[in-house]
Amino acid sequence: MPQFDVYENPSRTTRKAYPYLLNIQSEVLSDLATRIVLPLARMEEFGEKHMGQLTPVVEYQGQALIVVTPQIAAVPSKALKSAVGSLQHMRTEIIGALDFAVGGV
């Protein structure tokens, strides 16, 4: 599962607000049974409010989505079906959000 691939959210209860999950786990850890993910939230769920560098806004399939870094999670890799896209081109912003969450810079 390539890093920064996007998957449909397998949870029926959260899929409306968070339609996608972003795999941020390094491929070096591909033998693990889980994947570290960041939810991608619909902008309207946040009332167009986001926390700048911590929650970057991305354009994906014509939608403005927020990378919700504070809601980092691990999910079973088998729950993530086929990737529906990639945010590899946003790598710098995503890693920056993670750095900000962990180190404050």
Protein backbone atom coordinates (compact mmCIF):
# COMPACT_ATOMS: atom_id res chain seq x y z
CA MET A 1 0.00 0.00 0.00
CA PRO A 2 1.84 3.08 -1.17
CA GLN A 3 2.26 5.97 1.23
CA PHE A 4 -0.15 8.86 0.56
CA ASP A 5 -2.69 6.67 -1.25
CA VAL A 6 -6.33 7.58 -0.60
CA TYR A 7 -8.96 4.98 0.32
CA GLU A 8 -12.69 5.18 0.79
CA ASN A 9 -13.59 5.25 4.48
CA PRO A 10 -14.87 1.74 5.32
CA SER A 11 -16.88 3.00 8.34
CA ARG A 12 -20.54 3.59 7.59
CA THR A 13 -20.93 5.73 10.69
CA THR A 14 -18.21 8.25 9.81
CA ARG A 15 -18.12 8.08 6.01
CA LYS A 16 -20.42 11.06 5.45
CA ALA A 17 -18.19 13.50 7.33
CA TYR A 18 -14.93 11.70 6.52
CA PRO A 19 -15.31 10.12 3.08
CA TYR A 20 -11.66 9.12 2.69
CA LEU A 21 -8.67 7.88 4.67
CA LEU A 22 -5.13 8.81 3.72
CA ASN A 23 -2.46 6.16 4.27
CA ILE A 24 0.59 7.89 5.73
CA GLN A 25 2.47 4.78 6.83
CA SER A 26 5.87 4.15 5.31
CA GLU A 27 6.07 1.18 2.98
CA VAL A 28 9.02 -0.01 5.10
CA LEU A 29 6.35 -1.12 7.61
CA SER A 30 4.26 -3.01 5.06
CA ASP A 31 4.38 -6.26 7.07
CA LEU A 32 2.25 -4.75 9.85
CA ALA A 33 -1.42 -5.73 9.88
CA THR A 34 -2.47 -2.10 10.37
CA ARG A 35 -2.02 1.17 8.51
CA ILE A 36 -1.60 4.62 10.03
CA VAL A 37 -4.16 6.92 8.42
CA LEU A 38 -5.40 10.48 8.52
CA PRO A 39 -9.08 11.11 7.85
CA LEU A 40 -9.99 13.49 5.05
CA ALA A 41 -13.04 15.53 6.08
CA ARG A 42 -15.49 17.47 4.00
CA MET A 43 -14.86 21.20 4.40
CA GLU A 44 -18.53 21.85 5.23
CA GLU A 45 -18.23 19.60 8.29
CA PHE A 46 -15.82 22.16 9.74
CA GLY A 47 -17.71 25.26 8.65
CA GLU A 48 -14.67 26.28 6.61
CA LYS A 49 -12.67 26.51 9.84
CA HIS A 50 -9.45 24.61 10.03
CA MET A 51 -6.24 24.87 11.98
CA GLY A 52 -3.88 26.09 9.26
CA GLN A 53 -0.69 24.08 9.06
CA LEU A 54 -2.08 21.33 11.33
CA THR A 55 -5.03 20.61 9.04
CA PRO A 56 -4.09 21.43 5.45
CA VAL A 57 -6.81 21.74 2.85
CA VAL A 58 -6.47 19.52 -0.21
CA GLU A 59 -8.41 19.34 -3.43
CA TYR A 60 -9.50 15.80 -4.21
CA GLN A 61 -12.01 14.77 -6.88
CA GLY A 62 -13.36 18.31 -7.11
CA GLN A 63 -13.88 18.65 -3.36
CA ALA A 64 -12.12 20.73 -0.77
CA LEU A 65 -11.12 18.32 1.99
CA ILE A 66 -9.32 18.88 5.28
CA VAL A 67 -6.53 16.55 6.36
CA VAL A 68 -7.56 16.02 9.98
CA THR A 69 -4.13 15.36 11.47
CA PRO A 70 -5.31 15.43 15.14
CA GLN A 71 -7.48 12.39 14.38
CA ILE A 72 -4.58 10.16 13.32
CA ALA A 73 -5.55 6.50 13.68
CA ALA A 74 -4.57 2.97 12.86
CA VAL A 75 -6.92 0.74 10.90
CA PRO A 76 -6.58 -2.87 9.81
CA SER A 77 -4.96 -2.93 6.39
CA LYS A 78 -7.59 -5.41 5.19
CA ALA A 79 -10.28 -2.75 5.81
CA LEU A 80 -8.71 -0.55 3.16
CA LYS A 81 -9.78 -1.83 -0.23
CA SER A 82 -8.38 -0.55 -3.52
CA ALA A 83 -6.84 2.91 -3.51
CA VAL A 84 -9.00 5.52 -5.21
CA GLY A 85 -6.22 8.06 -5.66
CA SER A 86 -3.07 9.59 -4.25
CA LEU A 87 -2.03 12.76 -2.49
CA GLN A 88 1.68 12.15 -3.07
CA HIS A 89 1.88 15.64 -4.59
CA MET A 90 0.89 17.03 -1.13
CA ARG A 91 3.66 15.13 0.69
CA THR A 92 5.41 18.26 1.98
CA GLU A 93 2.22 19.71 3.48
CA ILE A 94 1.15 16.39 5.04
CA ILE A 95 4.56 15.72 6.60
CA GLY A 96 4.58 19.34 7.77
CA ALA A 97 1.23 18.83 9.52
CA LEU A 98 2.55 15.71 11.25
CA ASP A 99 5.74 17.53 12.30
CA PHE A 100 3.63 20.39 13.68
CA ALA A 101 1.39 17.96 15.62
CA VAL A 102 4.33 16.15 17.19
CA GLY A 103 6.97 18.87 17.54
CA GLY A 104 5.06 22.11 17.36
CA VAL A 105 7.14 23.33 14.41
